[in-house]
Amino acid sequence: TGAMTGLPAPVRTSFFKALSDLLG
């Protein structure tokens, strides 16, 4: 996700949560 620093905070937070679940 390093290239996603420009995303709005709500999007970044929700997506990080989804990736954390996916990748464990």
PDBML (XML) file of the C-alpha atoms, coordinates in Angstrom:
<?xml version="1.0" encoding="UTF-8" ?>
<PDBx:datablock datablockName="MODEL"
   xmlns:PDBx="http://pdbml.pdb.org/schema/pdbx-v50.xsd"
   xmlns:xsi="http://www.w3.org/2001/XMLSchema-instance"
   xsi:schemaLocation="http://pdbml.pdb.org/schema/pdbx-v50.xsd pdbx-v50.xsd">
   <PDBx:atom_siteCategory>
      <PDBx:atom_site id="1">
         <PDBx:B_iso_or_equiv>0.00</PDBx:B_iso_or_equiv>
         <PDBx:Cartn_x>0.000</PDBx:Cartn_x>
         <PDBx:Cartn_y>0.000</PDBx:Cartn_y>
         <PDBx:Cartn_z>0.000</PDBx:Cartn_z>
         <PDBx:auth_asym_id>A</PDBx:auth_asym_id>
         <PDBx:auth_atom_id>CA</PDBx:auth_atom_id>
         <PDBx:auth_comp_id>THR</PDBx:auth_comp_id>
         <PDBx:auth_seq_id>1</PDBx:auth_seq_id>
         <PDBx:group_PDB>ATOM</PDBx:group_PDB>
         <PDBx:label_alt_id xsi:nil="true" />
         <PDBx:label_asym_id>A</PDBx:label_asym_id>
         <PDBx:label_atom_id>CA</PDBx:label_atom_id>
         <PDBx:label_comp_id>THR</PDBx:label_comp_id>
         <PDBx:label_entity_id>1</PDBx:label_entity_id>
         <PDBx:label_seq_id>1</PDBx:label_seq_id>
         <PDBx:occupancy>1.00</PDBx:occupancy>
         <PDBx:pdbx_PDB_model_num>1</PDBx:pdbx_PDB_model_num>
         <PDBx:type_symbol>C</PDBx:type_symbol>
      </PDBx:atom_site>
      <PDBx:atom_site id="2">
         <PDBx:B_iso_or_equiv>0.00</PDBx:B_iso_or_equiv>
         <PDBx:Cartn_x>3.008</PDBx:Cartn_x>
         <PDBx:Cartn_y>2.331</PDBx:Cartn_y>
         <PDBx:Cartn_z>-0.095</PDBx:Cartn_z>
         <PDBx:auth_asym_id>A</PDBx:auth_asym_id>
         <PDBx:auth_atom_id>CA</PDBx:auth_atom_id>
         <PDBx:auth_comp_id>GLY</PDBx:auth_comp_id>
         <PDBx:auth_seq_id>2</PDBx:auth_seq_id>
         <PDBx:group_PDB>ATOM</PDBx:group_PDB>
         <PDBx:label_alt_id xsi:nil="true" />
         <PDBx:label_asym_id>A</PDBx:label_asym_id>
         <PDBx:label_atom_id>CA</PDBx:label_atom_id>
         <PDBx:label_comp_id>GLY</PDBx:label_comp_id>
         <PDBx:label_entity_id>1</PDBx:label_entity_id>
         <PDBx:label_seq_id>2</PDBx:label_seq_id>
         <PDBx:occupancy>1.00</PDBx:occupancy>
         <PDBx:pdbx_PDB_model_num>1</PDBx:pdbx_PDB_model_num>
         <PDBx:type_symbol>C</PDBx:type_symbol>
      </PDBx:atom_site>
      <PDBx:atom_site id="3">
         <PDBx:B_iso_or_equiv>0.00</PDBx:B_iso_or_equiv>
         <PDBx:Cartn_x>1.821</PDBx:Cartn_x>
         <PDBx:Cartn_y>4.038</PDBx:Cartn_y>
         <PDBx:Cartn_z>-3.272</PDBx:Cartn_z>
         <PDBx:auth_asym_id>A</PDBx:auth_asym_id>
         <PDBx:auth_atom_id>CA</PDBx:auth_atom_id>
         <PDBx:auth_comp_id>ALA</PDBx:auth_comp_id>
         <PDBx:auth_seq_id>3</PDBx:auth_seq_id>
         <PDBx:group_PDB>ATOM</PDBx:group_PDB>
         <PDBx:label_alt_id xsi:nil="true" />
         <PDBx:label_asym_id>A</PDBx:label_asym_id>
         <PDBx:label_atom_id>CA</PDBx:label_atom_id>
         <PDBx:label_comp_id>ALA</PDBx:label_comp_id>
         <PDBx:label_entity_id>1</PDBx:label_entity_id>
         <PDBx:label_seq_id>3</PDBx:label_seq_id>
         <PDBx:occupancy>1.00</PDBx:occupancy>
         <PDBx:pdbx_PDB_model_num>1</PDBx:pdbx_PDB_model_num>
         <PDBx:type_symbol>C</PDBx:type_symbol>
      </PDBx:atom_site>
      <PDBx:atom_site id="4">
         <PDBx:B_iso_or_equiv>0.00</PDBx:B_iso_or_equiv>
         <PDBx:Cartn_x>-1.543</PDBx:Cartn_x>
         <PDBx:Cartn_y>4.897</PDBx:Cartn_y>
         <PDBx:Cartn_z>-1.697</PDBx:Cartn_z>
         <PDBx:auth_asym_id>A</PDBx:auth_asym_id>
         <PDBx:auth_atom_id>CA</PDBx:auth_atom_id>
         <PDBx:auth_comp_id>MET</PDBx:auth_comp_id>
         <PDBx:auth_seq_id>4</PDBx:auth_seq_id>
         <PDBx:group_PDB>ATOM</PDBx:group_PDB>
         <PDBx:label_alt_id xsi:nil="true" />
         <PDBx:label_asym_id>A</PDBx:label_asym_id>
         <PDBx:label_atom_id>CA</PDBx:label_atom_id>
         <PDBx:label_comp_id>MET</PDBx:label_comp_id>
         <PDBx:label_entity_id>1</PDBx:label_entity_id>
         <PDBx:label_seq_id>4</PDBx:label_seq_id>
         <PDBx:occupancy>1.00</PDBx:occupancy>
         <PDBx:pdbx_PDB_model_num>1</PDBx:pdbx_PDB_model_num>
         <PDBx:type_symbol>C</PDBx:type_symbol>
      </PDBx:atom_site>
      <PDBx:atom_site id="5">
         <PDBx:B_iso_or_equiv>0.00</PDBx:B_iso_or_equiv>
         <PDBx:Cartn_x>-0.457</PDBx:Cartn_x>
         <PDBx:Cartn_y>7.729</PDBx:Cartn_y>
         <PDBx:Cartn_z>0.585</PDBx:Cartn_z>
         <PDBx:auth_asym_id>A</PDBx:auth_asym_id>
         <PDBx:auth_atom_id>CA</PDBx:auth_atom_id>
         <PDBx:auth_comp_id>THR</PDBx:auth_comp_id>
         <PDBx:auth_seq_id>5</PDBx:auth_seq_id>
         <PDBx:group_PDB>ATOM</PDBx:group_PDB>
         <PDBx:label_alt_id xsi:nil="true" />
         <PDBx:label_asym_id>A</PDBx:label_asym_id>
         <PDBx:label_atom_id>CA</PDBx:label_atom_id>
         <PDBx:label_comp_id>THR</PDBx:label_comp_id>
         <PDBx:label_entity_id>1</PDBx:label_entity_id>
         <PDBx:label_seq_id>5</PDBx:label_seq_id>
         <PDBx:occupancy>1.00</PDBx:occupancy>
         <PDBx:pdbx_PDB_model_num>1</PDBx:pdbx_PDB_model_num>
         <PDBx:type_symbol>C</PDBx:type_symbol>
      </PDBx:atom_site>
      <PDBx:atom_site id="6">
         <PDBx:B_iso_or_equiv>0.00</PDBx:B_iso_or_equiv>
         <PDBx:Cartn_x>-2.525</PDBx:Cartn_x>
         <PDBx:Cartn_y>10.206</PDBx:Cartn_y>
         <PDBx:Cartn_z>-1.417</PDBx:Cartn_z>
         <PDBx:auth_asym_id>A</PDBx:auth_asym_id>
         <PDBx:auth_atom_id>CA</PDBx:auth_atom_id>
         <PDBx:auth_comp_id>GLY</PDBx:auth_comp_id>
         <PDBx:auth_seq_id>6</PDBx:auth_seq_id>
         <PDBx:group_PDB>ATOM</PDBx:group_PDB>
         <PDBx:label_alt_id xsi:nil="true" />
         <PDBx:label_asym_id>A</PDBx:label_asym_id>
         <PDBx:label_atom_id>CA</PDBx:label_atom_id>
         <PDBx:label_comp_id>GLY</PDBx:label_comp_id>
         <PDBx:label_entity_id>1</PDBx:label_entity_id>
         <PDBx:label_seq_id>6</PDBx:label_seq_id>
         <PDBx:occupancy>1.00</PDBx:occupancy>
         <PDBx:pdbx_PDB_model_num>1</PDBx:pdbx_PDB_model_num>
         <PDBx:type_symbol>C</PDBx:type_symbol>
      </PDBx:atom_site>
      <PDBx:atom_site id="7">
         <PDBx:B_iso_or_equiv>0.00</PDBx:B_iso_or_equiv>
         <PDBx:Cartn_x>-5.822</PDBx:Cartn_x>
         <PDBx:Cartn_y>8.483</PDBx:Cartn_y>
         <PDBx:Cartn_z>-0.632</PDBx:Cartn_z>
         <PDBx:auth_asym_id>A</PDBx:auth_asym_id>
         <PDBx:auth_atom_id>CA</PDBx:auth_atom_id>
         <PDBx:auth_comp_id>LEU</PDBx:auth_comp_id>
         <PDBx:auth_seq_id>7</PDBx:auth_seq_id>
         <PDBx:group_PDB>ATOM</PDBx:group_PDB>
         <PDBx:label_alt_id xsi:nil="true" />
         <PDBx:label_asym_id>A</PDBx:label_asym_id>
         <PDBx:label_atom_id>CA</PDBx:label_atom_id>
         <PDBx:label_comp_id>LEU</PDBx:label_comp_id>
         <PDBx:label_entity_id>1</PDBx:label_entity_id>
         <PDBx:label_seq_id>7</PDBx:label_seq_id>
         <PDBx:occupancy>1.00</PDBx:occupancy>
         <PDBx:pdbx_PDB_model_num>1</PDBx:pdbx_PDB_model_num>
         <PDBx:type_symbol>C</PDBx:type_symbol>
      </PDBx:atom_site>
      <PDBx:atom_site id="8">
         <PDBx:B_iso_or_equiv>0.00</PDBx:B_iso_or_equiv>
         <PDBx:Cartn_x>-8.309</PDBx:Cartn_x>
         <PDBx:Cartn_y>10.248</PDBx:Cartn_y>
         <PDBx:Cartn_z>1.663</PDBx:Cartn_z>
         <PDBx:auth_asym_id>A</PDBx:auth_asym_id>
         <PDBx:auth_atom_id>CA</PDBx:auth_atom_id>
         <PDBx:auth_comp_id>PRO</PDBx:auth_comp_id>
         <PDBx:auth_seq_id>8</PDBx:auth_seq_id>
         <PDBx:group_PDB>ATOM</PDBx:group_PDB>
         <PDBx:label_alt_id xsi:nil="true" />
         <PDBx:label_asym_id>A</PDBx:label_asym_id>
         <PDBx:label_atom_id>CA</PDBx:label_atom_id>
         <PDBx:label_comp_id>PRO</PDBx:label_comp_id>
         <PDBx:label_entity_id>1</PDBx:label_entity_id>
         <PDBx:label_seq_id>8</PDBx:label_seq_id>
         <PDBx:occupancy>1.00</PDBx:occupancy>
         <PDBx:pdbx_PDB_model_num>1</PDBx:pdbx_PDB_model_num>
         <PDBx:type_symbol>C</PDBx:type_symbol>
      </PDBx:atom_site>
      <PDBx:atom_site id="9">
         <PDBx:B_iso_or_equiv>0.00</PDBx:B_iso_or_equiv>
         <PDBx:Cartn_x>-8.024</PDBx:Cartn_x>
         <PDBx:Cartn_y>9.081</PDBx:Cartn_y>
         <PDBx:Cartn_z>5.273</PDBx:Cartn_z>
         <PDBx:auth_asym_id>A</PDBx:auth_asym_id>
         <PDBx:auth_atom_id>CA</PDBx:auth_atom_id>
         <PDBx:auth_comp_id>ALA</PDBx:auth_comp_id>
         <PDBx:auth_seq_id>9</PDBx:auth_seq_id>
         <PDBx:group_PDB>ATOM</PDBx:group_PDB>
         <PDBx:label_alt_id xsi:nil="true" />
         <PDBx:label_asym_id>A</PDBx:label_asym_id>
         <PDBx:label_atom_id>CA</PDBx:label_atom_id>
         <PDBx:label_comp_id>ALA</PDBx:label_comp_id>
         <PDBx:label_entity_id>1</PDBx:label_entity_id>
         <PDBx:label_seq_id>9</PDBx:label_seq_id>
         <PDBx:occupancy>1.00</PDBx:occupancy>
         <PDBx:pdbx_PDB_model_num>1</PDBx:pdbx_PDB_model_num>
         <PDBx:type_symbol>C</PDBx:type_symbol>
      </PDBx:atom_site>
      <PDBx:atom_site id="10">
         <PDBx:B_iso_or_equiv>0.00</PDBx:B_iso_or_equiv>
         <PDBx:Cartn_x>-11.429</PDBx:Cartn_x>
         <PDBx:Cartn_y>7.290</PDBx:Cartn_y>
         <PDBx:Cartn_z>5.391</PDBx:Cartn_z>
         <PDBx:auth_asym_id>A</PDBx:auth_asym_id>
         <PDBx:auth_atom_id>CA</PDBx:auth_atom_id>
         <PDBx:auth_comp_id>PRO</PDBx:auth_comp_id>
         <PDBx:auth_seq_id>10</PDBx:auth_seq_id>
         <PDBx:group_PDB>ATOM</PDBx:group_PDB>
         <PDBx:label_alt_id xsi:nil="true" />
         <PDBx:label_asym_id>A</PDBx:label_asym_id>
         <PDBx:label_atom_id>CA</PDBx:label_atom_id>
         <PDBx:label_comp_id>PRO</PDBx:label_comp_id>
         <PDBx:label_entity_id>1</PDBx:label_entity_id>
         <PDBx:label_seq_id>10</PDBx:label_seq_id>
         <PDBx:occupancy>1.00</PDBx:occupancy>
         <PDBx:pdbx_PDB_model_num>1</PDBx:pdbx_PDB_model_num>
         <PDBx:type_symbol>C</PDBx:type_symbol>
      </PDBx:atom_site>
      <PDBx:atom_site id="11">
         <PDBx:B_iso_or_equiv>0.00</PDBx:B_iso_or_equiv>
         <PDBx:Cartn_x>-10.570</PDBx:Cartn_x>
         <PDBx:Cartn_y>5.249</PDBx:Cartn_y>
         <PDBx:Cartn_z>2.300</PDBx:Cartn_z>
         <PDBx:auth_asym_id>A</PDBx:auth_asym_id>
         <PDBx:auth_atom_id>CA</PDBx:auth_atom_id>
         <PDBx:auth_comp_id>VAL</PDBx:auth_comp_id>
         <PDBx:auth_seq_id>11</PDBx:auth_seq_id>
         <PDBx:group_PDB>ATOM</PDBx:group_PDB>
         <PDBx:label_alt_id xsi:nil="true" />
         <PDBx:label_asym_id>A</PDBx:label_asym_id>
         <PDBx:label_atom_id>CA</PDBx:label_atom_id>
         <PDBx:label_comp_id>VAL</PDBx:label_comp_id>
         <PDBx:label_entity_id>1</PDBx:label_entity_id>
         <PDBx:label_seq_id>11</PDBx:label_seq_id>
         <PDBx:occupancy>1.00</PDBx:occupancy>
         <PDBx:pdbx_PDB_model_num>1</PDBx:pdbx_PDB_model_num>
         <PDBx:type_symbol>C</PDBx:type_symbol>
      </PDBx:atom_site>
      <PDBx:atom_site id="12">
         <PDBx:B_iso_or_equiv>0.00</PDBx:B_iso_or_equiv>
         <PDBx:Cartn_x>-7.079</PDBx:Cartn_x>
         <PDBx:Cartn_y>4.431</PDBx:Cartn_y>
         <PDBx:Cartn_z>3.517</PDBx:Cartn_z>
         <PDBx:auth_asym_id>A</PDBx:auth_asym_id>
         <PDBx:auth_atom_id>CA</PDBx:auth_atom_id>
         <PDBx:auth_comp_id>ARG</PDBx:auth_comp_id>
         <PDBx:auth_seq_id>12</PDBx:auth_seq_id>
         <PDBx:group_PDB>ATOM</PDBx:group_PDB>
         <PDBx:label_alt_id xsi:nil="true" />
         <PDBx:label_asym_id>A</PDBx:label_asym_id>
         <PDBx:label_atom_id>CA</PDBx:label_atom_id>
         <PDBx:label_comp_id>ARG</PDBx:label_comp_id>
         <PDBx:label_entity_id>1</PDBx:label_entity_id>
         <PDBx:label_seq_id>12</PDBx:label_seq_id>
         <PDBx:occupancy>1.00</PDBx:occupancy>
         <PDBx:pdbx_PDB_model_num>1</PDBx:pdbx_PDB_model_num>
         <PDBx:type_symbol>C</PDBx:type_symbol>
      </PDBx:atom_site>
      <PDBx:atom_site id="13">
         <PDBx:B_iso_or_equiv>0.00</PDBx:B_iso_or_equiv>
         <PDBx:Cartn_x>-8.309</PDBx:Cartn_x>
         <PDBx:Cartn_y>3.319</PDBx:Cartn_y>
         <PDBx:Cartn_z>6.955</PDBx:Cartn_z>
         <PDBx:auth_asym_id>A</PDBx:auth_asym_id>
         <PDBx:auth_atom_id>CA</PDBx:auth_atom_id>
         <PDBx:auth_comp_id>THR</PDBx:auth_comp_id>
         <PDBx:auth_seq_id>13</PDBx:auth_seq_id>
         <PDBx:group_PDB>ATOM</PDBx:group_PDB>
         <PDBx:label_alt_id xsi:nil="true" />
         <PDBx:label_asym_id>A</PDBx:label_asym_id>
         <PDBx:label_atom_id>CA</PDBx:label_atom_id>
         <PDBx:label_comp_id>THR</PDBx:label_comp_id>
         <PDBx:label_entity_id>1</PDBx:label_entity_id>
         <PDBx:label_seq_id>13</PDBx:label_seq_id>
         <PDBx:occupancy>1.00</PDBx:occupancy>
         <PDBx:pdbx_PDB_model_num>1</PDBx:pdbx_PDB_model_num>
         <PDBx:type_symbol>C</PDBx:type_symbol>
      </PDBx:atom_site>
      <PDBx:atom_site id="14">
         <PDBx:B_iso_or_equiv>0.00</PDBx:B_iso_or_equiv>
         <PDBx:Cartn_x>-11.078</PDBx:Cartn_x>
         <PDBx:Cartn_y>1.088</PDBx:Cartn_y>
         <PDBx:Cartn_z>5.575</PDBx:Cartn_z>
         <PDBx:auth_asym_id>A</PDBx:auth_asym_id>
         <PDBx:auth_atom_id>CA</PDBx:auth_atom_id>
         <PDBx:auth_comp_id>SER</PDBx:auth_comp_id>
         <PDBx:auth_seq_id>14</PDBx:auth_seq_id>
         <PDBx:group_PDB>ATOM</PDBx:group_PDB>
         <PDBx:label_alt_id xsi:nil="true" />
         <PDBx:label_asym_id>A</PDBx:label_asym_id>
         <PDBx:label_atom_id>CA</PDBx:label_atom_id>
         <PDBx:label_comp_id>SER</PDBx:label_comp_id>
         <PDBx:label_entity_id>1</PDBx:label_entity_id>
         <PDBx:label_seq_id>14</PDBx:label_seq_id>
         <PDBx:occupancy>1.00</PDBx:occupancy>
         <PDBx:pdbx_PDB_model_num>1</PDBx:pdbx_PDB_model_num>
         <PDBx:type_symbol>C</PDBx:type_symbol>
      </PDBx:atom_site>
      <PDBx:atom_site id="15">
         <PDBx:B_iso_or_equiv>0.00</PDBx:B_iso_or_equiv>
         <PDBx:Cartn_x>-8.851</PDBx:Cartn_x>
         <PDBx:Cartn_y>-0.443</PDBx:Cartn_y>
         <PDBx:Cartn_z>2.937</PDBx:Cartn_z>
         <PDBx:auth_asym_id>A</PDBx:auth_asym_id>
         <PDBx:auth_atom_id>CA</PDBx:auth_atom_id>
         <PDBx:auth_comp_id>PHE</PDBx:auth_comp_id>
         <PDBx:auth_seq_id>15</PDBx:auth_seq_id>
         <PDBx:group_PDB>ATOM</PDBx:group_PDB>
         <PDBx:label_alt_id xsi:nil="true" />
         <PDBx:label_asym_id>A</PDBx:label_asym_id>
         <PDBx:label_atom_id>CA</PDBx:label_atom_id>
         <PDBx:label_comp_id>PHE</PDBx:label_comp_id>
         <PDBx:label_entity_id>1</PDBx:label_entity_id>
         <PDBx:label_seq_id>15</PDBx:label_seq_id>
         <PDBx:occupancy>1.00</PDBx:occupancy>
         <PDBx:pdbx_PDB_model_num>1</PDBx:pdbx_PDB_model_num>
         <PDBx:type_symbol>C</PDBx:type_symbol>
      </PDBx:atom_site>
      <PDBx:atom_site id="16">
         <PDBx:B_iso_or_equiv>0.00</PDBx:B_iso_or_equiv>
         <PDBx:Cartn_x>-6.013</PDBx:Cartn_x>
         <PDBx:Cartn_y>-1.170</PDBx:Cartn_y>
         <PDBx:Cartn_z>5.377</PDBx:Cartn_z>
         <PDBx:auth_asym_id>A</PDBx:auth_asym_id>
         <PDBx:auth_atom_id>CA</PDBx:auth_atom_id>
         <PDBx:auth_comp_id>PHE</PDBx:auth_comp_id>
         <PDBx:auth_seq_id>16</PDBx:auth_seq_id>
         <PDBx:group_PDB>ATOM</PDBx:group_PDB>
         <PDBx:label_alt_id xsi:nil="true" />
         <PDBx:label_asym_id>A</PDBx:label_asym_id>
         <PDBx:label_atom_id>CA</PDBx:label_atom_id>
         <PDBx:label_comp_id>PHE</PDBx:label_comp_id>
         <PDBx:label_entity_id>1</PDBx:label_entity_id>
         <PDBx:label_seq_id>16</PDBx:label_seq_id>
         <PDBx:occupancy>1.00</PDBx:occupancy>
         <PDBx:pdbx_PDB_model_num>1</PDBx:pdbx_PDB_model_num>
         <PDBx:type_symbol>C</PDBx:type_symbol>
      </PDBx:atom_site>
      <PDBx:atom_site id="17">
         <PDBx:B_iso_or_equiv>0.00</PDBx:B_iso_or_equiv>
         <PDBx:Cartn_x>-8.515</PDBx:Cartn_x>
         <PDBx:Cartn_y>-2.986</PDBx:Cartn_y>
         <PDBx:Cartn_z>7.597</PDBx:Cartn_z>
         <PDBx:auth_asym_id>A</PDBx:auth_asym_id>
         <PDBx:auth_atom_id>CA</PDBx:auth_atom_id>
         <PDBx:auth_comp_id>LYS</PDBx:auth_comp_id>
         <PDBx:auth_seq_id>17</PDBx:auth_seq_id>
         <PDBx:group_PDB>ATOM</PDBx:group_PDB>
         <PDBx:label_alt_id xsi:nil="true" />
         <PDBx:label_asym_id>A</PDBx:label_asym_id>
         <PDBx:label_atom_id>CA</PDBx:label_atom_id>
         <PDBx:label_comp_id>LYS</PDBx:label_comp_id>
         <PDBx:label_entity_id>1</PDBx:label_entity_id>
         <PDBx:label_seq_id>17</PDBx:label_seq_id>
         <PDBx:occupancy>1.00</PDBx:occupancy>
         <PDBx:pdbx_PDB_model_num>1</PDBx:pdbx_PDB_model_num>
         <PDBx:type_symbol>C</PDBx:type_symbol>
      </PDBx:atom_site>
      <PDBx:atom_site id="18">
         <PDBx:B_iso_or_equiv>0.00</PDBx:B_iso_or_equiv>
         <PDBx:Cartn_x>-9.662</PDBx:Cartn_x>
         <PDBx:Cartn_y>-5.110</PDBx:Cartn_y>
         <PDBx:Cartn_z>4.637</PDBx:Cartn_z>
         <PDBx:auth_asym_id>A</PDBx:auth_asym_id>
         <PDBx:auth_atom_id>CA</PDBx:auth_atom_id>
         <PDBx:auth_comp_id>ALA</PDBx:auth_comp_id>
         <PDBx:auth_seq_id>18</PDBx:auth_seq_id>
         <PDBx:group_PDB>ATOM</PDBx:group_PDB>
         <PDBx:label_alt_id xsi:nil="true" />
         <PDBx:label_asym_id>A</PDBx:label_asym_id>
         <PDBx:label_atom_id>CA</PDBx:label_atom_id>
         <PDBx:label_comp_id>ALA</PDBx:label_comp_id>
         <PDBx:label_entity_id>1</PDBx:label_entity_id>
         <PDBx:label_seq_id>18</PDBx:label_seq_id>
         <PDBx:occupancy>1.00</PDBx:occupancy>
         <PDBx:pdbx_PDB_model_num>1</PDBx:pdbx_PDB_model_num>
         <PDBx:type_symbol>C</PDBx:type_symbol>
      </PDBx:atom_site>
      <PDBx:atom_site id="19">
         <PDBx:B_iso_or_equiv>0.00</PDBx:B_iso_or_equiv>
         <PDBx:Cartn_x>-6.076</PDBx:Cartn_x>
         <PDBx:Cartn_y>-5.941</PDBx:Cartn_y>
         <PDBx:Cartn_z>3.634</PDBx:Cartn_z>
         <PDBx:auth_asym_id>A</PDBx:auth_asym_id>
         <PDBx:auth_atom_id>CA</PDBx:auth_atom_id>
         <PDBx:auth_comp_id>LEU</PDBx:auth_comp_id>
         <PDBx:auth_seq_id>19</PDBx:auth_seq_id>
         <PDBx:group_PDB>ATOM</PDBx:group_PDB>
         <PDBx:label_alt_id xsi:nil="true" />
         <PDBx:label_asym_id>A</PDBx:label_asym_id>
         <PDBx:label_atom_id>CA</PDBx:label_atom_id>
         <PDBx:label_comp_id>LEU</PDBx:label_comp_id>
         <PDBx:label_entity_id>1</PDBx:label_entity_id>
         <PDBx:label_seq_id>19</PDBx:label_seq_id>
         <PDBx:occupancy>1.00</PDBx:occupancy>
         <PDBx:pdbx_PDB_model_num>1</PDBx:pdbx_PDB_model_num>
         <PDBx:type_symbol>C</PDBx:type_symbol>
      </PDBx:atom_site>
      <PDBx:atom_site id="20">
         <PDBx:B_iso_or_equiv>0.00</PDBx:B_iso_or_equiv>
         <PDBx:Cartn_x>-5.178</PDBx:Cartn_x>
         <PDBx:Cartn_y>-6.846</PDBx:Cartn_y>
         <PDBx:Cartn_z>7.205</PDBx:Cartn_z>
         <PDBx:auth_asym_id>A</PDBx:auth_asym_id>
         <PDBx:auth_atom_id>CA</PDBx:auth_atom_id>
         <PDBx:auth_comp_id>SER</PDBx:auth_comp_id>
         <PDBx:auth_seq_id>20</PDBx:auth_seq_id>
         <PDBx:group_PDB>ATOM</PDBx:group_PDB>
         <PDBx:label_alt_id xsi:nil="true" />
         <PDBx:label_asym_id>A</PDBx:label_asym_id>
         <PDBx:label_atom_id>CA</PDBx:label_atom_id>
         <PDBx:label_comp_id>SER</PDBx:label_comp_id>
         <PDBx:label_entity_id>1</PDBx:label_entity_id>
         <PDBx:label_seq_id>20</PDBx:label_seq_id>
         <PDBx:occupancy>1.00</PDBx:occupancy>
         <PDBx:pdbx_PDB_model_num>1</PDBx:pdbx_PDB_model_num>
         <PDBx:type_symbol>C</PDBx:type_symbol>
      </PDBx:atom_site>
      <PDBx:atom_site id="21">
         <PDBx:B_iso_or_equiv>0.00</PDBx:B_iso_or_equiv>
         <PDBx:Cartn_x>-8.055</PDBx:Cartn_x>
         <PDBx:Cartn_y>-9.333</PDBx:Cartn_y>
         <PDBx:Cartn_z>7.254</PDBx:Cartn_z>
         <PDBx:auth_asym_id>A</PDBx:auth_asym_id>
         <PDBx:auth_atom_id>CA</PDBx:auth_atom_id>
         <PDBx:auth_comp_id>ASP</PDBx:auth_comp_id>
         <PDBx:auth_seq_id>21</PDBx:auth_seq_id>
         <PDBx:group_PDB>ATOM</PDBx:group_PDB>
         <PDBx:label_alt_id xsi:nil="true" />
         <PDBx:label_asym_id>A</PDBx:label_asym_id>
         <PDBx:label_atom_id>CA</PDBx:label_atom_id>
         <PDBx:label_comp_id>ASP</PDBx:label_comp_id>
         <PDBx:label_entity_id>1</PDBx:label_entity_id>
         <PDBx:label_seq_id>21</PDBx:label_seq_id>
         <PDBx:occupancy>1.00</PDBx:occupancy>
         <PDBx:pdbx_PDB_model_num>1</PDBx:pdbx_PDB_model_num>
         <PDBx:type_symbol>C</PDBx:type_symbol>
      </PDBx:atom_site>
      <PDBx:atom_site id="22">
         <PDBx:B_iso_or_equiv>0.00</PDBx:B_iso_or_equiv>
         <PDBx:Cartn_x>-7.086</PDBx:Cartn_x>
         <PDBx:Cartn_y>-10.722</PDBx:Cartn_y>
         <PDBx:Cartn_z>3.845</PDBx:Cartn_z>
         <PDBx:auth_asym_id>A</PDBx:auth_asym_id>
         <PDBx:auth_atom_id>CA</PDBx:auth_atom_id>
         <PDBx:auth_comp_id>LEU</PDBx:auth_comp_id>
         <PDBx:auth_seq_id>22</PDBx:auth_seq_id>
         <PDBx:group_PDB>ATOM</PDBx:group_PDB>
         <PDBx:label_alt_id xsi:nil="true" />
         <PDBx:label_asym_id>A</PDBx:label_asym_id>
         <PDBx:label_atom_id>CA</PDBx:label_atom_id>
         <PDBx:label_comp_id>LEU</PDBx:label_comp_id>
         <PDBx:label_entity_id>1</PDBx:label_entity_id>
         <PDBx:label_seq_id>22</PDBx:label_seq_id>
         <PDBx:occupancy>1.00</PDBx:occupancy>
         <PDBx:pdbx_PDB_model_num>1</PDBx:pdbx_PDB_model_num>
         <PDBx:type_symbol>C</PDBx:type_symbol>
      </PDBx:atom_site>
      <PDBx:atom_site id="23">
         <PDBx:B_iso_or_equiv>0.00</PDBx:B_iso_or_equiv>
         <PDBx:Cartn_x>-3.381</PDBx:Cartn_x>
         <PDBx:Cartn_y>-11.149</PDBx:Cartn_y>
         <PDBx:Cartn_z>4.533</PDBx:Cartn_z>
         <PDBx:auth_asym_id>A</PDBx:auth_asym_id>
         <PDBx:auth_atom_id>CA</PDBx:auth_atom_id>
         <PDBx:auth_comp_id>LEU</PDBx:auth_comp_id>
         <PDBx:auth_seq_id>23</PDBx:auth_seq_id>
         <PDBx:group_PDB>ATOM</PDBx:group_PDB>
         <PDBx:label_alt_id xsi:nil="true" />
         <PDBx:label_asym_id>A</PDBx:label_asym_id>
         <PDBx:label_atom_id>CA</PDBx:label_atom_id>
         <PDBx:label_comp_id>LEU</PDBx:label_comp_id>
         <PDBx:label_entity_id>1</PDBx:label_entity_id>
         <PDBx:label_seq_id>23</PDBx:label_seq_id>
         <PDBx:occupancy>1.00</PDBx:occupancy>
         <PDBx:pdbx_PDB_model_num>1</PDBx:pdbx_PDB_model_num>
         <PDBx:type_symbol>C</PDBx:type_symbol>
      </PDBx:atom_site>
      <PDBx:atom_site id="24">
         <PDBx:B_iso_or_equiv>0.00</PDBx:B_iso_or_equiv>
         <PDBx:Cartn_x>-3.521</PDBx:Cartn_x>
         <PDBx:Cartn_y>-12.036</PDBx:Cartn_y>
         <PDBx:Cartn_z>8.215</PDBx:Cartn_z>
         <PDBx:auth_asym_id>A</PDBx:auth_asym_id>
         <PDBx:auth_atom_id>CA</PDBx:auth_atom_id>
         <PDBx:auth_comp_id>GLY</PDBx:auth_comp_id>
         <PDBx:auth_seq_id>24</PDBx:auth_seq_id>
         <PDBx:group_PDB>ATOM</PDBx:group_PDB>
         <PDBx:label_alt_id xsi:nil="true" />
         <PDBx:label_asym_id>A</PDBx:label_asym_id>
         <PDBx:label_atom_id>CA</PDBx:label_atom_id>
         <PDBx:label_comp_id>GLY</PDBx:label_comp_id>
         <PDBx:label_entity_id>1</PDBx:label_entity_id>
         <PDBx:label_seq_id>24</PDBx:label_seq_id>
         <PDBx:occupancy>1.00</PDBx:occupancy>
         <PDBx:pdbx_PDB_model_num>1</PDBx:pdbx_PDB_model_num>
         <PDBx:type_symbol>C</PDBx:type_symbol>
      </PDBx:atom_site>
   </PDBx:atom_siteCategory>
</PDBx:datablock>
